[in-house]
């Protein structure tokens, strides 16, 4: 028997295995050969062994996903972003509040001074929806939120400038886009870095 691990640590891991659906047969298979050696780099890369907290790094310098027939008009790079919802603010222009609407092109100019997040974060969240905060689904009035990622501006197949957004529909998170040539209201906050 190993002298490296305490009984408490072994009990903690046994509880975690059970909580995550492992059976004794699964553990026996994982303990055989060098399977655990292959898991170790993943654990060290994606989790803090002391806290069990996963770190989700998003490469905001990478080229964004481009829908078929579209092009990227502009893409603000943002380095490696360790996802934490507390670092993100859902920003509304004063011209989007209290029933007001603002032209998308004017809103884009207003957002030039904000640290807007790009579409790489949107796509990462679509692949990892468990990371998306519950409060992003609806605003305080119960209306669906459409969260825009202004750091990437596209030109769609019709030639219109647009921004992609994230939204909750029925049972899943989806994306769509909105043209810059139309009015934007309070249902469409921009995802920006919180100060």
Protein backbone atom coordinates (compact mmCIF):
# COMPACT_ATOMS: atom_id res chain seq x y z
CA UNK A 1 0.00 0.00 0.00
CA UNK A 2 1.25 3.50 -0.84
CA UNK A 3 2.55 5.75 1.90
CA UNK A 4 2.24 8.91 -0.27
CA UNK A 5 -1.51 9.35 0.05
CA UNK A 6 -3.51 9.73 3.23
CA UNK A 7 -6.67 7.75 3.95
CA UNK A 8 -8.52 11.08 3.81
CA UNK A 9 -7.25 11.77 0.28
CA UNK A 10 -8.21 8.28 -0.86
CA UNK A 11 -11.70 8.70 0.63
CA UNK A 12 -12.04 12.11 -1.05
CA UNK A 13 -11.16 10.61 -4.43
CA UNK A 14 -13.47 7.64 -3.88
CA UNK A 15 -16.32 10.09 -3.18
CA UNK A 16 -15.43 12.06 -6.34
CA UNK A 17 -15.38 8.89 -8.46
CA UNK A 18 -18.78 7.85 -7.17
CA UNK A 19 -20.21 11.36 -7.60
CA UNK A 20 -19.06 11.34 -11.25
CA UNK A 21 -20.56 7.97 -12.11
CA UNK A 22 -17.48 5.72 -11.88
CA UNK A 23 -17.96 2.09 -10.94
CA UNK A 24 -15.43 -0.19 -9.21
CA UNK A 25 -14.94 -1.89 -12.60
CA UNK A 26 -14.11 1.50 -14.21
CA UNK A 27 -11.54 2.22 -11.51
CA UNK A 28 -9.96 -1.21 -11.93
CA UNK A 29 -9.59 -0.61 -15.68
CA UNK A 30 -8.15 2.89 -15.14
CA UNK A 31 -5.65 1.54 -12.59
CA UNK A 32 -4.28 -1.04 -14.98
CA UNK A 33 -1.26 -0.46 -17.22
CA UNK A 34 -0.34 3.17 -17.88
CA UNK A 35 -3.83 4.67 -18.36
CA UNK A 36 -3.42 7.02 -15.40
CA UNK A 37 -0.09 8.23 -16.83
CA UNK A 38 -2.00 9.37 -19.93
CA UNK A 39 -4.57 11.22 -17.78
CA UNK A 40 -1.97 13.05 -15.72
CA UNK A 41 -1.00 15.65 -18.37
CA UNK A 42 -4.69 16.50 -18.87
CA UNK A 43 -5.23 16.93 -15.15
CA UNK A 44 -2.16 19.13 -14.84
CA UNK A 45 -3.09 21.18 -17.90
CA UNK A 46 -6.78 21.72 -17.18
CA UNK A 47 -7.14 21.50 -13.45
CA UNK A 48 -5.59 22.76 -10.29
CA UNK A 49 -4.98 19.56 -8.33
CA UNK A 50 -5.26 21.41 -5.02
CA UNK A 51 -8.70 22.90 -5.68
CA UNK A 52 -10.08 20.79 -8.50
CA UNK A 53 -10.82 24.02 -10.37
CA UNK A 54 -10.52 23.75 -14.13
CA UNK A 55 -8.88 26.54 -16.06
CA UNK A 56 -10.35 27.23 -19.45
CA UNK A 57 -7.88 29.12 -21.63
CA UNK A 58 -9.26 30.66 -24.80
CA UNK A 59 -6.88 31.72 -27.56
CA UNK A 60 -8.27 35.11 -28.53
CA UNK A 61 -5.35 35.65 -30.93
CA UNK A 62 -6.40 32.74 -33.15
CA UNK A 63 -8.31 33.32 -36.36
CA UNK A 64 -12.05 33.21 -35.60
CA UNK A 65 -14.56 30.76 -36.98
CA UNK A 66 -15.92 32.11 -40.28
CA UNK A 67 -19.34 30.89 -41.44
CA UNK A 68 -19.52 29.68 -45.02
CA UNK A 69 -19.61 32.55 -47.51
CA UNK A 70 -18.63 35.14 -44.89
CA UNK A 71 -15.42 37.11 -44.37
CA UNK A 72 -13.88 38.77 -41.33
CA UNK A 73 -14.00 42.57 -41.52
CA UNK A 74 -12.06 43.08 -38.27
CA UNK A 75 -10.87 40.89 -35.40
CA UNK A 76 -9.47 42.38 -32.18
CA UNK A 77 -6.99 39.95 -30.74
CA UNK A 78 -6.94 39.51 -27.00
CA UNK A 79 -4.21 37.04 -26.06
CA UNK A 80 -4.88 34.04 -23.86
CA UNK A 81 -8.08 34.56 -21.88
CA UNK A 82 -8.64 32.43 -18.77
CA UNK A 83 -12.41 32.23 -18.75
CA UNK A 84 -14.02 33.60 -15.62
CA UNK A 85 -17.52 35.10 -15.85
CA UNK A 86 -16.53 37.62 -13.16
CA UNK A 87 -14.08 39.12 -15.69
CA UNK A 88 -16.90 39.80 -18.18
CA UNK A 89 -19.37 42.67 -18.05
CA UNK A 90 -22.53 42.74 -20.16
CA UNK A 91 -22.32 46.31 -21.40
CA UNK A 92 -25.19 48.48 -22.61
CA UNK A 93 -24.68 51.91 -24.09
CA UNK A 94 -26.76 54.67 -22.47
CA UNK A 95 -28.35 54.85 -25.94
CA UNK A 96 -29.65 51.27 -25.53
CA UNK A 97 -31.27 51.82 -22.12
CA UNK A 98 -34.75 52.99 -21.14
CA UNK A 99 -36.36 51.92 -24.40
CA UNK A 100 -33.84 53.72 -26.61
CA UNK A 101 -32.33 52.26 -29.79
CA UNK A 102 -29.01 53.07 -31.43
CA UNK A 103 -27.80 52.40 -34.96
CA UNK A 104 -25.29 49.53 -34.96
CA UNK A 105 -22.62 51.55 -36.75
CA UNK A 106 -22.85 54.29 -34.09
CA UNK A 107 -22.76 51.67 -31.35
CA UNK A 108 -19.61 50.19 -32.91
CA UNK A 109 -17.95 53.61 -32.65
CA UNK A 110 -19.05 53.98 -29.02
CA UNK A 111 -17.58 50.57 -28.22
CA UNK A 112 -14.19 51.51 -29.69
CA UNK A 113 -13.05 52.55 -26.19
CA UNK A 114 -14.30 49.35 -24.52
CA UNK A 115 -12.35 46.10 -24.22
CA UNK A 116 -14.81 44.13 -26.34
CA UNK A 117 -14.45 40.36 -26.48
CA UNK A 118 -14.14 38.56 -29.80
CA UNK A 119 -16.01 35.64 -31.35
CA UNK A 120 -13.40 33.12 -30.18
CA UNK A 121 -14.96 33.36 -26.73
CA UNK A 122 -18.47 32.88 -28.16
CA UNK A 123 -17.37 29.71 -29.97
CA UNK A 124 -15.52 28.37 -26.93
CA UNK A 125 -18.65 28.86 -24.82
CA UNK A 126 -20.80 27.08 -27.39
CA UNK A 127 -18.45 24.09 -27.08
CA UNK A 128 -18.47 24.38 -23.26
CA UNK A 129 -21.99 25.58 -22.39
CA UNK A 130 -21.62 24.49 -18.76
CA UNK A 131 -19.39 27.57 -18.30
CA UNK A 132 -22.08 30.07 -19.30
CA UNK A 133 -23.64 31.79 -16.28
CA UNK A 134 -27.35 31.20 -15.73
CA UNK A 135 -27.99 34.96 -15.54
CA UNK A 136 -26.88 35.37 -19.15
CA UNK A 137 -30.10 33.72 -20.30
CA UNK A 138 -32.48 36.53 -19.33
CA UNK A 139 -32.32 40.11 -18.10
CA UNK A 140 -33.92 41.40 -14.87
CA UNK A 141 -37.27 41.76 -16.69
CA UNK A 142 -37.21 38.15 -17.91
CA UNK A 143 -36.39 39.02 -21.53
CA UNK A 144 -33.96 36.91 -23.53
CA UNK A 145 -30.46 38.35 -23.64
CA UNK A 146 -28.57 38.45 -26.92
CA UNK A 147 -24.90 38.76 -25.96
CA UNK A 148 -22.77 40.30 -28.70
CA UNK A 149 -19.06 39.73 -29.27
CA UNK A 150 -18.06 43.01 -30.91
CA UNK A 151 -14.36 42.13 -31.08
CA UNK A 152 -15.08 40.30 -34.36
CA UNK A 153 -17.00 42.06 -37.12
CA UNK A 154 -18.04 39.96 -40.11
CA UNK A 155 -19.29 40.64 -43.60
CA UNK A 156 -21.99 38.09 -44.36
CA UNK A 157 -22.68 36.46 -47.73
CA UNK A 158 -25.02 39.36 -48.65
CA UNK A 159 -22.23 41.87 -48.03
CA UNK A 160 -23.72 43.27 -44.81
CA UNK A 161 -21.56 43.99 -41.76
CA UNK A 162 -22.71 42.00 -38.75
CA UNK A 163 -21.80 40.83 -35.26
CA UNK A 164 -22.40 37.34 -33.94
CA UNK A 165 -24.22 36.83 -30.65
CA UNK A 166 -24.93 34.13 -28.10
CA UNK A 167 -28.43 33.40 -26.81
CA UNK A 168 -30.44 30.78 -24.92
CA UNK A 169 -33.30 29.17 -26.81
CA UNK A 170 -35.52 26.45 -25.28
CA UNK A 171 -32.82 24.07 -23.98
CA UNK A 172 -29.56 25.14 -25.55
CA UNK A 173 -27.19 27.98 -26.30
CA UNK A 174 -27.09 29.06 -29.94
CA UNK A 175 -25.51 31.78 -32.04
CA UNK A 176 -26.87 34.08 -34.68
CA UNK A 177 -25.88 37.48 -36.08
CA UNK A 178 -27.28 40.98 -36.34
CA UNK A 179 -26.61 43.65 -38.96
CA UNK A 180 -24.89 46.89 -38.07
CA UNK A 181 -27.33 48.86 -40.23
CA UNK A 182 -30.27 48.32 -37.86
CA UNK A 183 -31.27 49.58 -34.40
CA UNK A 184 -29.93 47.96 -31.23
CA UNK A 185 -31.90 48.04 -27.99
CA UNK A 186 -31.45 46.92 -24.39
CA UNK A 187 -31.77 43.22 -25.19
CA UNK A 188 -28.35 43.19 -26.88
CA UNK A 189 -25.50 43.85 -24.44
CA UNK A 190 -21.91 43.60 -25.59
CA UNK A 191 -19.50 41.24 -23.80
CA UNK A 192 -16.60 43.36 -22.55
CA UNK A 193 -13.81 42.94 -20.03
CA UNK A 194 -14.90 44.16 -16.63
CA UNK A 195 -12.69 46.94 -15.28
